[in-house]
């Protein structure tokens, strides 16, 4: 029955999910024992918002579970750009915004890494405190956007830093000992990609 549940999650078949729940009310509990990649992760990654809603109405704790790779369902929805699922998960439980994956990355960190500017704006319009979080490596969201050469995301984040008066983020060092400015200087010196150079120019232009 568990395999049928995972097939339903993959296709977003809510009717099949409800049928399985009628046949076995514990099917969601049983599925958590089969694999660390829950049906919620599968549905979230594939953009099945109604399936996500239905699952959480029966087992809300799935939203807090990490999959076998250490990612949350929210992380996967962000990576794939499924903003409707992102909005729903945060409405379901705003605390999920601070849930960290195995690398200590929050939802905003994930959005920066994947350059999802619409999700960055969605998060920060509601939760400015997301800007303050750092990864297990001490990285700020600005470090991540720069390291992953997400120029547009970096510019959007810089605008939020200005708007929220969180300029102190520019002076925080990651565990390698680098501030965002120092990282930008290193990338410029090493003739990084055009995207990372645009990030560097944005930072230099703002600090001067």
C-alpha atoms as a PDB file:
ATOM      1  CA  UNK A   1       0.000   0.000   0.000  1.00  0.00           C
ATOM      2  CA  UNK A   2       2.909   2.327   0.716  1.00  0.00           C
ATOM      3  CA  UNK A   3       4.057   2.103  -2.907  1.00  0.00           C
ATOM      4  CA  UNK A   4       0.556   3.145  -3.988  1.00  0.00           C
ATOM      5  CA  UNK A   5       0.816   6.137  -1.675  1.00  0.00           C
ATOM      6  CA  UNK A   6       4.105   7.218  -3.225  1.00  0.00           C
ATOM      7  CA  UNK A   7       2.656   6.809  -6.717  1.00  0.00           C
ATOM      8  CA  UNK A   8      -0.266   9.008  -5.672  1.00  0.00           C
ATOM      9  CA  UNK A   9       2.135  11.629  -4.299  1.00  0.00           C
ATOM     10  CA  UNK A  10       4.147  11.606  -7.520  1.00  0.00           C
ATOM     11  CA  UNK A  11       1.074  12.178  -9.668  1.00  0.00           C
ATOM     12  CA  UNK A  12      -0.781  14.391  -7.190  1.00  0.00           C
ATOM     13  CA  UNK A  13      -3.747  12.026  -7.083  1.00  0.00           C
ATOM     14  CA  UNK A  14      -5.753  13.294  -4.092  1.00  0.00           C
ATOM     15  CA  UNK A  15      -8.585  10.831  -4.739  1.00  0.00           C
ATOM     16  CA  UNK A  16      -6.176   7.916  -4.443  1.00  0.00           C
ATOM     17  CA  UNK A  17      -4.727   9.385  -1.244  1.00  0.00           C
ATOM     18  CA  UNK A  18      -8.193   9.600   0.322  1.00  0.00           C
ATOM     19  CA  UNK A  19      -8.990   6.048  -0.781  1.00  0.00           C
ATOM     20  CA  UNK A  20      -5.789   4.748   0.815  1.00  0.00           C
ATOM     21  CA  UNK A  21      -6.584   6.605   4.028  1.00  0.00           C
ATOM     22  CA  UNK A  22     -10.035   5.021   4.152  1.00  0.00           C
ATOM     23  CA  UNK A  23      -8.526   1.573   3.663  1.00  0.00           C
ATOM     24  CA  UNK A  24      -5.807   2.158   6.247  1.00  0.00           C
ATOM     25  CA  UNK A  25      -5.978   5.245   8.493  1.00  0.00           C
ATOM     26  CA  UNK A  26      -2.338   4.622   9.488  1.00  0.00           C
ATOM     27  CA  UNK A  27      -0.969   4.593   5.952  1.00  0.00           C
ATOM     28  CA  UNK A  28       0.801   7.939   6.448  1.00  0.00           C
ATOM     29  CA  UNK A  29       2.412   6.747   9.666  1.00  0.00           C
ATOM     30  CA  UNK A  30       3.492   3.519   7.988  1.00  0.00           C
ATOM     31  CA  UNK A  31       4.996   5.420   5.044  1.00  0.00           C
ATOM     32  CA  UNK A  32       7.359   7.294   7.357  1.00  0.00           C
ATOM     33  CA  UNK A  33       8.938   3.960   8.310  1.00  0.00           C
ATOM     34  CA  UNK A  34       9.529   2.875   4.719  1.00  0.00           C
ATOM     35  CA  UNK A  35      11.738   5.729   3.547  1.00  0.00           C
ATOM     36  CA  UNK A  36      13.003   9.068   4.779  1.00  0.00           C
ATOM     37  CA  UNK A  37      11.668  10.622   1.572  1.00  0.00           C
ATOM     38  CA  UNK A  38       8.066  11.206   2.665  1.00  0.00           C
ATOM     39  CA  UNK A  39       5.086  11.497   0.315  1.00  0.00           C
ATOM     40  CA  UNK A  40       4.971  15.175   1.272  1.00  0.00           C
ATOM     41  CA  UNK A  41       8.487  15.717  -0.095  1.00  0.00           C
ATOM     42  CA  UNK A  42       7.495  14.012  -3.344  1.00  0.00           C
ATOM     43  CA  UNK A  43       4.297  16.018  -3.738  1.00  0.00           C
ATOM     44  CA  UNK A  44       6.005  19.309  -2.847  1.00  0.00           C
ATOM     45  CA  UNK A  45       8.845  18.720  -5.311  1.00  0.00           C
ATOM     46  CA  UNK A  46       6.366  17.972  -8.090  1.00  0.00           C
ATOM     47  CA  UNK A  47       4.123  20.970  -7.459  1.00  0.00           C
ATOM     48  CA  UNK A  48       1.007  19.169  -6.223  1.00  0.00           C
ATOM     49  CA  UNK A  49      -0.397  21.773  -3.857  1.00  0.00           C
ATOM     50  CA  UNK A  50      -3.780  20.162  -3.232  1.00  0.00           C
ATOM     51  CA  UNK A  51      -2.085  16.876  -2.365  1.00  0.00           C
ATOM     52  CA  UNK A  52       0.175  18.746   0.067  1.00  0.00           C
ATOM     53  CA  UNK A  53      -2.849  20.429   1.668  1.00  0.00           C
ATOM     54  CA  UNK A  54      -4.679  17.139   2.045  1.00  0.00           C
ATOM     55  CA  UNK A  55      -1.686  15.310   3.499  1.00  0.00           C
ATOM     56  CA  UNK A  56      -1.040  17.983   6.096  1.00  0.00           C
ATOM     57  CA  UNK A  57      -4.681  17.984   7.149  1.00  0.00           C
ATOM     58  CA  UNK A  58      -4.132  14.349   8.200  1.00  0.00           C
ATOM     59  CA  UNK A  59      -0.512  14.487   9.387  1.00  0.00           C
ATOM     60  CA  UNK A  60       0.783  18.009   9.932  1.00  0.00           C
ATOM     61  CA  UNK A  61       4.105  16.836  11.407  1.00  0.00           C
ATOM     62  CA  UNK A  62       5.311  15.769   7.942  1.00  0.00           C
ATOM     63  CA  UNK A  63       6.049  19.443   7.263  1.00  0.00           C
ATOM     64  CA  UNK A  64       8.903  19.309   9.785  1.00  0.00           C
ATOM     65  CA  UNK A  65      10.586  16.141   8.536  1.00  0.00           C
ATOM     66  CA  UNK A  66      13.829  15.999   6.562  1.00  0.00           C
ATOM     67  CA  UNK A  67      14.216  13.590   3.671  1.00  0.00           C
ATOM     68  CA  UNK A  68      17.124  11.216   3.141  1.00  0.00           C
ATOM     69  CA  UNK A  69      19.221  14.053   1.694  1.00  0.00           C
ATOM     70  CA  UNK A  70      18.532  16.330   4.657  1.00  0.00           C
ATOM     71  CA  UNK A  71      16.007  18.605   2.916  1.00  0.00           C
ATOM     72  CA  UNK A  72      12.586  19.781   4.041  1.00  0.00           C
ATOM     73  CA  UNK A  73       9.494  19.686   1.833  1.00  0.00           C
ATOM     74  CA  UNK A  74       9.620  23.494   1.882  1.00  0.00           C
ATOM     75  CA  UNK A  75      13.201  23.400   0.559  1.00  0.00           C
ATOM     76  CA  UNK A  76      12.134  21.215  -2.354  1.00  0.00           C
ATOM     77  CA  UNK A  77       9.167  23.423  -3.214  1.00  0.00           C
ATOM     78  CA  UNK A  78      11.471  26.455  -3.218  1.00  0.00           C
ATOM     79  CA  UNK A  79      14.116  24.733  -5.350  1.00  0.00           C
ATOM     80  CA  UNK A  80      11.496  23.865  -7.968  1.00  0.00           C
ATOM     81  CA  UNK A  81       9.869  27.311  -7.788  1.00  0.00           C
ATOM     82  CA  UNK A  82       6.443  26.118  -6.616  1.00  0.00           C
ATOM     83  CA  UNK A  83       5.445  29.364  -4.921  1.00  0.00           C
ATOM     84  CA  UNK A  84       1.858  28.245  -4.258  1.00  0.00           C
ATOM     85  CA  UNK A  85       3.165  25.394  -2.114  1.00  0.00           C
ATOM     86  CA  UNK A  86       5.668  27.699  -0.413  1.00  0.00           C
ATOM     87  CA  UNK A  87       2.849  30.097   0.493  1.00  0.00           C
ATOM     88  CA  UNK A  88       0.661  27.294   1.777  1.00  0.00           C
ATOM     89  CA  UNK A  89       3.380  25.689   3.910  1.00  0.00           C
ATOM     90  CA  UNK A  90       4.208  29.030   5.524  1.00  0.00           C
ATOM     91  CA  UNK A  91       0.518  29.702   6.124  1.00  0.00           C
ATOM     92  CA  UNK A  92       0.161  26.207   7.588  1.00  0.00           C
ATOM     93  CA  UNK A  93       3.011  26.899  10.012  1.00  0.00           C
ATOM     94  CA  UNK A  94       5.042  30.146   9.857  1.00  0.00           C
ATOM     95  CA  UNK A  95       7.699  28.498  12.013  1.00  0.00           C
ATOM     96  CA  UNK A  96       8.744  26.434   9.001  1.00  0.00           C
ATOM     97  CA  UNK A  97      10.598  29.478   7.677  1.00  0.00           C
ATOM     98  CA  UNK A  98      13.278  28.847  10.314  1.00  0.00           C
ATOM     99  CA  UNK A  99      13.431  25.070   9.901  1.00  0.00           C
ATOM    100  CA  UNK A 100      16.988  24.192   8.887  1.00  0.00           C
ATOM    101  CA  UNK A 101      18.172  21.402   6.633  1.00  0.00           C
ATOM    102  CA  UNK A 102      21.215  19.232   7.316  1.00  0.00           C
ATOM    103  CA  UNK A 103      23.513  22.104   6.254  1.00  0.00           C
ATOM    104  CA  UNK A 104      21.802  24.586   8.558  1.00  0.00           C
ATOM    105  CA  UNK A 105      20.054  26.354   5.676  1.00  0.00           C
ATOM    106  CA  UNK A 106      16.626  27.937   6.043  1.00  0.00           C
ATOM    107  CA  UNK A 107      13.984  28.592   3.410  1.00  0.00           C
ATOM    108  CA  UNK A 108      15.494  31.988   2.544  1.00  0.00           C
ATOM    109  CA  UNK A 109      18.956  30.457   2.162  1.00  0.00           C
ATOM    110  CA  UNK A 110      17.478  27.894  -0.225  1.00  0.00           C
ATOM    111  CA  UNK A 111      15.722  30.603  -2.247  1.00  0.00           C
ATOM    112  CA  UNK A 112      18.992  32.544  -2.550  1.00  0.00           C
ATOM    113  CA  UNK A 113      20.998  29.483  -3.630  1.00  0.00           C
ATOM    114  CA  UNK A 114      18.507  28.746  -6.408  1.00  0.00           C
ATOM    115  CA  UNK A 115      17.981  32.385  -7.394  1.00  0.00           C
ATOM    116  CA  UNK A 116      14.228  32.359  -6.726  1.00  0.00           C
ATOM    117  CA  UNK A 117      13.657  36.105  -6.425  1.00  0.00           C
ATOM    118  CA  UNK A 118       9.867  35.853  -6.269  1.00  0.00           C
ATOM    119  CA  UNK A 119      10.133  33.531  -3.280  1.00  0.00           C
ATOM    120  CA  UNK A 120      12.769  35.753  -1.653  1.00  0.00           C
ATOM    121  CA  UNK A 121      10.346  38.665  -1.869  1.00  0.00           C
ATOM    122  CA  UNK A 122       7.440  36.544  -0.638  1.00  0.00           C
ATOM    123  CA  UNK A 123       9.407  35.451   2.416  1.00  0.00           C
ATOM    124  CA  UNK A 124      10.794  38.863   3.303  1.00  0.00           C
ATOM    125  CA  UNK A 125       7.507  40.702   2.860  1.00  0.00           C
ATOM    126  CA  UNK A 126       6.198  38.592   5.740  1.00  0.00           C
ATOM    127  CA  UNK A 127       9.301  37.603   7.691  1.00  0.00           C
ATOM    128  CA  UNK A 128      12.181  40.079   7.761  1.00  0.00           C
ATOM    129  CA  UNK A 129      13.836  38.041  10.518  1.00  0.00           C
ATOM    130  CA  UNK A 130      14.825  35.443   7.910  1.00  0.00           C
ATOM    131  CA  UNK A 131      17.664  37.757   6.877  1.00  0.00           C
ATOM    132  CA  UNK A 132      19.416  37.249  10.213  1.00  0.00           C
ATOM    133  CA  UNK A 133      19.840  33.478   9.970  1.00  0.00           C
ATOM    134  CA  UNK A 134      23.196  31.892   9.169  1.00  0.00           C
ATOM    135  CA  UNK A 135      24.113  28.428   7.924  1.00  0.00           C
ATOM    136  CA  UNK A 136      26.205  25.815   9.713  1.00  0.00           C
ATOM    137  CA  UNK A 137      29.190  27.345   7.875  1.00  0.00           C
ATOM    138  CA  UNK A 138      28.365  30.801   9.202  1.00  0.00           C
ATOM    139  CA  UNK A 139      27.134  32.052   5.827  1.00  0.00           C
ATOM    140  CA  UNK A 140      24.551  34.784   5.540  1.00  0.00           C
ATOM    141  CA  UNK A 141      22.026  34.773   2.742  1.00  0.00           C
ATOM    142  CA  UNK A 142      24.263  37.320   0.968  1.00  0.00           C
ATOM    143  CA  UNK A 143      27.245  34.961   1.131  1.00  0.00           C
ATOM    144  CA  UNK A 144      25.145  32.248  -0.497  1.00  0.00           C
ATOM    145  CA  UNK A 145      23.775  34.374  -3.327  1.00  0.00           C
ATOM    146  CA  UNK A 146      27.321  35.514  -4.102  1.00  0.00           C
ATOM    147  CA  UNK A 147      28.891  32.044  -3.835  1.00  0.00           C
ATOM    148  CA  UNK A 148      26.284  30.554  -6.165  1.00  0.00           C
ATOM    149  CA  UNK A 149      26.531  33.479  -8.618  1.00  0.00           C
ATOM    150  CA  UNK A 150      22.851  34.409  -8.319  1.00  0.00           C
ATOM    151  CA  UNK A 151      23.198  38.022  -9.421  1.00  0.00           C
ATOM    152  CA  UNK A 152      19.525  38.942  -9.529  1.00  0.00           C
ATOM    153  CA  UNK A 153      18.889  37.348  -6.149  1.00  0.00           C
ATOM    154  CA  UNK A 154      21.889  39.198  -4.713  1.00  0.00           C
ATOM    155  CA  UNK A 155      20.548  42.549  -5.936  1.00  0.00           C
ATOM    156  CA  UNK A 156      17.097  41.802  -4.502  1.00  0.00           C
ATOM    157  CA  UNK A 157      18.625  40.814  -1.168  1.00  0.00           C
ATOM    158  CA  UNK A 158      20.786  43.936  -1.077  1.00  0.00           C
ATOM    159  CA  UNK A 159      17.655  46.021  -1.547  1.00  0.00           C
ATOM    160  CA  UNK A 160      16.053  44.237   1.391  1.00  0.00           C
ATOM    161  CA  UNK A 161      19.173  44.820   3.499  1.00  0.00           C
ATOM    162  CA  UNK A 162      18.893  48.541   2.792  1.00  0.00           C
ATOM    163  CA  UNK A 163      15.142  48.621   3.358  1.00  0.00           C
ATOM    164  CA  UNK A 164      15.341  46.786   6.686  1.00  0.00           C
ATOM    165  CA  UNK A 165      18.497  48.603   7.815  1.00  0.00           C
ATOM    166  CA  UNK A 166      20.389  45.356   8.358  1.00  0.00           C
ATOM    167  CA  UNK A 167      23.708  46.645   7.025  1.00  0.00           C
ATOM    168  CA  UNK A 168      25.499  44.712   9.771  1.00  0.00           C
ATOM    169  CA  UNK A 169      25.059  41.599   7.614  1.00  0.00           C
ATOM    170  CA  UNK A 170      27.752  42.933   5.294  1.00  0.00           C
ATOM    171  CA  UNK A 171      30.317  42.731   8.082  1.00  0.00           C
ATOM    172  CA  UNK A 172      29.566  39.208   9.294  1.00  0.00           C
ATOM    173  CA  UNK A 173      32.167  36.551   8.511  1.00  0.00           C
ATOM    174  CA  UNK A 174      31.538  32.981   7.461  1.00  0.00           C
ATOM    175  CA  UNK A 175      33.576  30.161   9.037  1.00  0.00           C
ATOM    176  CA  UNK A 176      36.234  30.630   6.369  1.00  0.00           C
ATOM    177  CA  UNK A 177      36.724  34.123   7.789  1.00  0.00           C
ATOM    178  CA  UNK A 178      35.279  36.069   4.852  1.00  0.00           C
ATOM    179  CA  UNK A 179      32.784  38.902   4.874  1.00  0.00           C
ATOM    180  CA  UNK A 180      30.570  39.385   1.837  1.00  0.00           C
ATOM    181  CA  UNK A 181      32.823  42.226   0.704  1.00  0.00           C
ATOM    182  CA  UNK A 182      35.948  40.074   1.032  1.00  0.00           C
ATOM    183  CA  UNK A 183      34.277  37.249  -0.857  1.00  0.00           C
ATOM    184  CA  UNK A 184      33.314  39.687  -3.598  1.00  0.00           C
ATOM    185  CA  UNK A 185      36.877  40.986  -3.802  1.00  0.00           C
ATOM    186  CA  UNK A 186      38.188  37.432  -4.092  1.00  0.00           C
ATOM    187  CA  UNK A 187      35.784  36.627  -6.909  1.00  0.00           C
ATOM    188  CA  UNK A 188      36.711  39.804  -8.742  1.00  0.00           C
ATOM    189  CA  UNK A 189      40.425  39.066  -8.346  1.00  0.00           C
ATOM    190  CA  UNK A 190      39.963  35.518  -9.627  1.00  0.00           C
ATOM    191  CA  UNK A 191      37.995  36.732 -12.658  1.00  0.00           C
ATOM    192  CA  UNK A 192      34.802  34.981 -11.691  1.00  0.00           C
ATOM    193  CA  UNK A 193      31.777  34.600 -13.932  1.00  0.00           C
ATOM    194  CA  UNK A 194      29.983  37.638 -15.316  1.00  0.00           C
ATOM    195  CA  UNK A 195      27.098  37.026 -12.919  1.00  0.00           C
ATOM    196  CA  UNK A 196      29.333  37.089  -9.858  1.00  0.00           C
ATOM    197  CA  UNK A 197      31.051  40.228 -11.126  1.00  0.00           C
ATOM    198  CA  UNK A 198      27.667  41.917 -11.376  1.00  0.00           C
ATOM    199  CA  UNK A 199      27.079  40.963  -7.742  1.00  0.00           C
ATOM    200  CA  UNK A 200      30.461  42.417  -6.847  1.00  0.00           C
ATOM    201  CA  UNK A 201      29.744  45.676  -8.636  1.00  0.00           C
ATOM    202  CA  UNK A 202      26.397  45.968  -6.841  1.00  0.00           C
ATOM    203  CA  UNK A 203      28.133  45.547  -3.494  1.00  0.00           C
ATOM    204  CA  UNK A 204      30.992  47.923  -4.260  1.00  0.00           C
ATOM    205  CA  UNK A 205      28.601  50.516  -5.640  1.00  0.00           C
ATOM    206  CA  UNK A 206      26.517  50.412  -2.490  1.00  0.00           C
ATOM    207  CA  UNK A 207      29.411  50.552  -0.020  1.00  0.00           C
ATOM    208  CA  UNK A 208      31.172  53.469  -1.691  1.00  0.00           C
END
